[in-house]
């Protein structure tokens, strides 16, 4: 169970869109951006907090992948060797 359990996929996608827009605004020089959170509050990010915003985006993307049954897109490898 994660922090987004039980939240509709459409809501998660909306939050993801908001967070990605906020990240873009920071990237082009906006000093502060605000987004809504899963508990109905608003949080603000500054350029120095961009890593935290990226982590939030990754958590949303993971939750959407789980909710839709899609893969995360992260590659994996299997070690093989011969004797």
N, C-alpha and C. Protein backbone atom coordinates (compact mmCIF):
# COMPACT_ATOMS: atom_id res chain seq x y z
N UNK A 1 0.84 -1.16 0.00
CA UNK A 1 0.00 0.00 0.00
C UNK A 1 0.90 1.24 0.00
N UNK A 2 0.55 2.23 -0.83
CA UNK A 2 1.34 3.45 -0.86
C UNK A 2 0.47 4.66 -0.56
N UNK A 3 1.08 5.82 -0.57
CA UNK A 3 0.37 7.04 -0.20
C UNK A 3 -0.77 7.39 -1.14
N UNK A 4 -0.79 6.80 -2.35
CA UNK A 4 -1.83 7.10 -3.33
C UNK A 4 -2.85 5.98 -3.49
N UNK A 5 -2.83 5.01 -2.62
CA UNK A 5 -3.78 3.90 -2.70
C UNK A 5 -5.21 4.40 -2.57
N UNK A 6 -6.09 3.91 -3.43
CA UNK A 6 -7.49 4.26 -3.37
C UNK A 6 -7.86 5.55 -4.07
N UNK A 7 -6.89 6.21 -4.68
CA UNK A 7 -7.15 7.46 -5.39
C UNK A 7 -7.36 7.14 -6.86
N UNK A 8 -8.38 7.71 -7.46
CA UNK A 8 -8.71 7.43 -8.86
C UNK A 8 -7.55 7.78 -9.78
N UNK A 9 -7.38 6.95 -10.80
CA UNK A 9 -6.30 7.16 -11.77
C UNK A 9 -6.40 8.53 -12.44
N UNK A 10 -7.60 8.97 -12.75
CA UNK A 10 -7.78 10.28 -13.38
C UNK A 10 -7.28 11.40 -12.46
N UNK A 11 -7.49 11.25 -11.17
CA UNK A 11 -7.00 12.24 -10.20
C UNK A 11 -5.48 12.23 -10.17
N UNK A 12 -4.90 11.03 -10.13
CA UNK A 12 -3.44 10.91 -10.14
C UNK A 12 -2.84 11.55 -11.39
N UNK A 13 -3.47 11.32 -12.53
CA UNK A 13 -2.97 11.88 -13.78
C UNK A 13 -3.08 13.40 -13.77
N UNK A 14 -4.12 13.93 -13.17
CA UNK A 14 -4.28 15.37 -13.06
C UNK A 14 -3.17 15.96 -12.18
N UNK A 15 -2.91 15.32 -11.06
CA UNK A 15 -1.83 15.78 -10.17
C UNK A 15 -0.49 15.70 -10.87
N UNK A 16 -0.27 14.63 -11.62
CA UNK A 16 0.98 14.48 -12.36
C UNK A 16 1.15 15.62 -13.36
N UNK A 17 0.09 15.93 -14.07
CA UNK A 17 0.14 17.03 -15.03
C UNK A 17 0.48 18.35 -14.34
N UNK A 18 -0.15 18.60 -13.20
CA UNK A 18 0.13 19.82 -12.43
C UNK A 18 1.60 19.87 -11.99
N UNK A 19 2.11 18.74 -11.50
CA UNK A 19 3.49 18.69 -11.02
C UNK A 19 4.48 18.87 -12.18
N UNK A 20 4.19 18.28 -13.33
CA UNK A 20 5.07 18.44 -14.48
C UNK A 20 5.06 19.88 -14.98
N UNK A 21 3.90 20.51 -14.96
CA UNK A 21 3.80 21.92 -15.34
C UNK A 21 4.62 22.78 -14.37
N UNK A 22 4.52 22.48 -13.08
CA UNK A 22 5.29 23.22 -12.08
C UNK A 22 6.78 23.05 -12.31
N UNK A 23 7.21 21.84 -12.64
CA UNK A 23 8.62 21.60 -12.90
C UNK A 23 9.09 22.41 -14.11
N UNK A 24 8.27 22.47 -15.14
CA UNK A 24 8.61 23.26 -16.33
C UNK A 24 8.71 24.74 -15.98
N UNK A 25 7.80 25.23 -15.17
CA UNK A 25 7.83 26.64 -14.78
C UNK A 25 9.10 26.98 -14.00
N UNK A 26 9.52 26.06 -13.13
CA UNK A 26 10.78 26.28 -12.41
C UNK A 26 11.96 26.26 -13.37
N UNK A 27 11.90 25.36 -14.34
CA UNK A 27 13.00 25.23 -15.30
C UNK A 27 13.18 26.48 -16.15
N UNK A 28 12.09 27.21 -16.39
CA UNK A 28 12.21 28.41 -17.23
C UNK A 28 12.36 29.68 -16.41
N UNK A 29 12.58 29.53 -15.10
CA UNK A 29 12.95 30.68 -14.29
C UNK A 29 11.94 31.21 -13.30
N UNK A 30 10.77 30.60 -13.20
CA UNK A 30 9.81 31.08 -12.20
C UNK A 30 10.40 30.81 -10.81
N UNK A 31 10.22 31.74 -9.92
CA UNK A 31 10.85 31.66 -8.60
C UNK A 31 10.17 30.67 -7.66
N UNK A 32 8.84 30.59 -7.70
CA UNK A 32 8.09 29.70 -6.82
C UNK A 32 6.86 29.19 -7.57
N UNK A 33 6.56 27.90 -7.38
CA UNK A 33 5.34 27.32 -7.94
C UNK A 33 4.60 26.59 -6.83
N UNK A 34 3.28 26.51 -6.95
CA UNK A 34 2.45 25.81 -5.97
C UNK A 34 1.62 24.76 -6.68
N UNK A 35 1.46 23.61 -6.01
CA UNK A 35 0.61 22.54 -6.54
C UNK A 35 -0.23 21.99 -5.41
N UNK A 36 -1.36 21.36 -5.76
CA UNK A 36 -2.20 20.69 -4.78
C UNK A 36 -1.62 19.33 -4.45
N UNK A 37 -1.84 18.88 -3.23
CA UNK A 37 -1.35 17.58 -2.80
C UNK A 37 -2.53 16.62 -2.60
N UNK A 38 -2.20 15.39 -2.33
CA UNK A 38 -3.22 14.35 -2.19
C UNK A 38 -4.13 14.58 -0.99
N UNK A 39 -3.68 15.36 -0.02
CA UNK A 39 -4.52 15.62 1.15
C UNK A 39 -5.27 16.95 1.06
N UNK A 40 -5.29 17.55 -0.14
CA UNK A 40 -6.05 18.77 -0.36
C UNK A 40 -5.33 20.06 -0.02
N UNK A 41 -4.10 19.96 0.43
CA UNK A 41 -3.32 21.15 0.75
C UNK A 41 -2.54 21.60 -0.48
N UNK A 42 -1.98 22.78 -0.41
CA UNK A 42 -1.12 23.30 -1.46
C UNK A 42 0.30 23.39 -0.93
N UNK A 43 1.25 22.96 -1.73
CA UNK A 43 2.65 23.09 -1.34
C UNK A 43 3.37 23.88 -2.42
N UNK A 44 4.41 24.57 -1.99
CA UNK A 44 5.19 25.40 -2.90
C UNK A 44 6.58 24.82 -3.08
N UNK A 45 7.13 25.01 -4.26
CA UNK A 45 8.49 24.59 -4.56
C UNK A 45 9.26 25.76 -5.13
N UNK A 46 10.53 25.84 -4.78
CA UNK A 46 11.44 26.82 -5.35
C UNK A 46 12.46 26.06 -6.19
N UNK A 47 13.27 26.74 -7.00
CA UNK A 47 14.26 26.03 -7.80
C UNK A 47 15.17 25.11 -6.99
N UNK A 48 15.49 25.49 -5.77
CA UNK A 48 16.36 24.64 -4.94
C UNK A 48 15.66 23.35 -4.50
N UNK A 49 14.34 23.31 -4.60
CA UNK A 49 13.58 22.13 -4.20
C UNK A 49 13.17 21.26 -5.39
N UNK A 50 13.78 21.52 -6.53
CA UNK A 50 13.46 20.75 -7.73
C UNK A 50 13.65 19.24 -7.55
N UNK A 51 14.69 18.78 -6.84
CA UNK A 51 14.82 17.33 -6.62
C UNK A 51 13.61 16.71 -5.89
N UNK A 52 13.04 17.43 -4.92
CA UNK A 52 11.87 16.92 -4.21
C UNK A 52 10.66 16.85 -5.14
N UNK A 53 10.53 17.85 -6.01
CA UNK A 53 9.44 17.83 -6.98
C UNK A 53 9.59 16.66 -7.94
N UNK A 54 10.81 16.40 -8.37
CA UNK A 54 11.05 15.24 -9.26
C UNK A 54 10.69 13.93 -8.56
N UNK A 55 11.00 13.81 -7.28
CA UNK A 55 10.65 12.60 -6.52
C UNK A 55 9.14 12.44 -6.43
N UNK A 56 8.44 13.54 -6.21
CA UNK A 56 6.98 13.51 -6.16
C UNK A 56 6.41 13.04 -7.51
N UNK A 57 6.97 13.56 -8.59
CA UNK A 57 6.53 13.16 -9.94
C UNK A 57 6.77 11.67 -10.14
N UNK A 58 7.93 11.17 -9.73
CA UNK A 58 8.23 9.75 -9.88
C UNK A 58 7.26 8.90 -9.07
N UNK A 59 6.91 9.34 -7.85
CA UNK A 59 5.93 8.58 -7.03
C UNK A 59 4.57 8.56 -7.71
N UNK A 60 4.17 9.67 -8.30
CA UNK A 60 2.89 9.71 -9.02
C UNK A 60 2.93 8.78 -10.23
N UNK A 61 4.01 8.83 -11.00
CA UNK A 61 4.13 7.96 -12.17
C UNK A 61 4.08 6.49 -11.77
N UNK A 62 4.73 6.15 -10.67
CA UNK A 62 4.71 4.77 -10.19
C UNK A 62 3.30 4.36 -9.77
N UNK A 63 2.60 5.24 -9.06
CA UNK A 63 1.23 4.94 -8.63
C UNK A 63 0.30 4.75 -9.82
N UNK A 64 0.48 5.58 -10.86
CA UNK A 64 -0.35 5.43 -12.07
C UNK A 64 -0.03 4.12 -12.76
N UNK A 65 1.25 3.76 -12.83
CA UNK A 65 1.63 2.48 -13.44
C UNK A 65 1.02 1.30 -12.71
N UNK A 66 1.03 1.37 -11.39
CA UNK A 66 0.44 0.29 -10.59
C UNK A 66 -1.06 0.23 -10.81
N UNK A 67 -1.70 1.40 -10.79
CA UNK A 67 -3.16 1.44 -10.93
C UNK A 67 -3.63 0.97 -12.29
N UNK A 68 -2.84 1.22 -13.32
CA UNK A 68 -3.25 0.83 -14.67
C UNK A 68 -2.67 -0.51 -15.11
N UNK A 69 -1.81 -1.07 -14.29
CA UNK A 69 -1.20 -2.35 -14.64
C UNK A 69 -0.10 -2.23 -15.68
N UNK A 70 0.36 -1.02 -15.92
CA UNK A 70 1.43 -0.79 -16.89
C UNK A 70 2.78 -1.05 -16.23
N UNK A 71 3.77 -1.26 -17.04
CA UNK A 71 5.11 -1.44 -16.49
C UNK A 71 5.69 -0.07 -16.16
N UNK A 72 6.69 -0.06 -15.32
CA UNK A 72 7.32 1.19 -14.93
C UNK A 72 8.30 1.67 -15.98
N UNK A 73 8.64 0.82 -16.94
CA UNK A 73 9.57 1.20 -17.97
C UNK A 73 11.02 1.11 -17.54
N UNK A 74 11.24 0.62 -16.34
CA UNK A 74 12.61 0.50 -15.86
C UNK A 74 13.16 -0.87 -16.28
N UNK A 75 14.28 -0.85 -16.97
CA UNK A 75 14.84 -2.13 -17.45
C UNK A 75 15.37 -2.97 -16.30
N UNK A 76 15.43 -4.23 -16.53
CA UNK A 76 16.03 -5.12 -15.56
C UNK A 76 16.93 -6.09 -16.32
N UNK A 77 17.82 -6.70 -15.61
CA UNK A 77 18.71 -7.66 -16.26
C UNK A 77 18.78 -8.92 -15.42
N UNK A 78 19.11 -9.98 -16.08
CA UNK A 78 19.28 -11.27 -15.43
C UNK A 78 20.70 -11.72 -15.67
N UNK A 79 21.39 -12.00 -14.60
CA UNK A 79 22.78 -12.44 -14.74
C UNK A 79 22.82 -13.88 -15.22
N UNK A 80 23.62 -14.14 -16.19
CA UNK A 80 23.83 -15.51 -16.67
C UNK A 80 25.33 -15.74 -16.80
N UNK A 81 25.72 -16.96 -16.60
CA UNK A 81 27.13 -17.30 -16.76
C UNK A 81 27.24 -18.77 -17.08
N UNK A 82 28.35 -19.14 -17.61
CA UNK A 82 28.59 -20.54 -17.94
C UNK A 82 29.78 -21.03 -17.12
N UNK A 83 29.79 -22.32 -16.92
CA UNK A 83 30.89 -22.93 -16.16
C UNK A 83 31.81 -23.63 -17.08
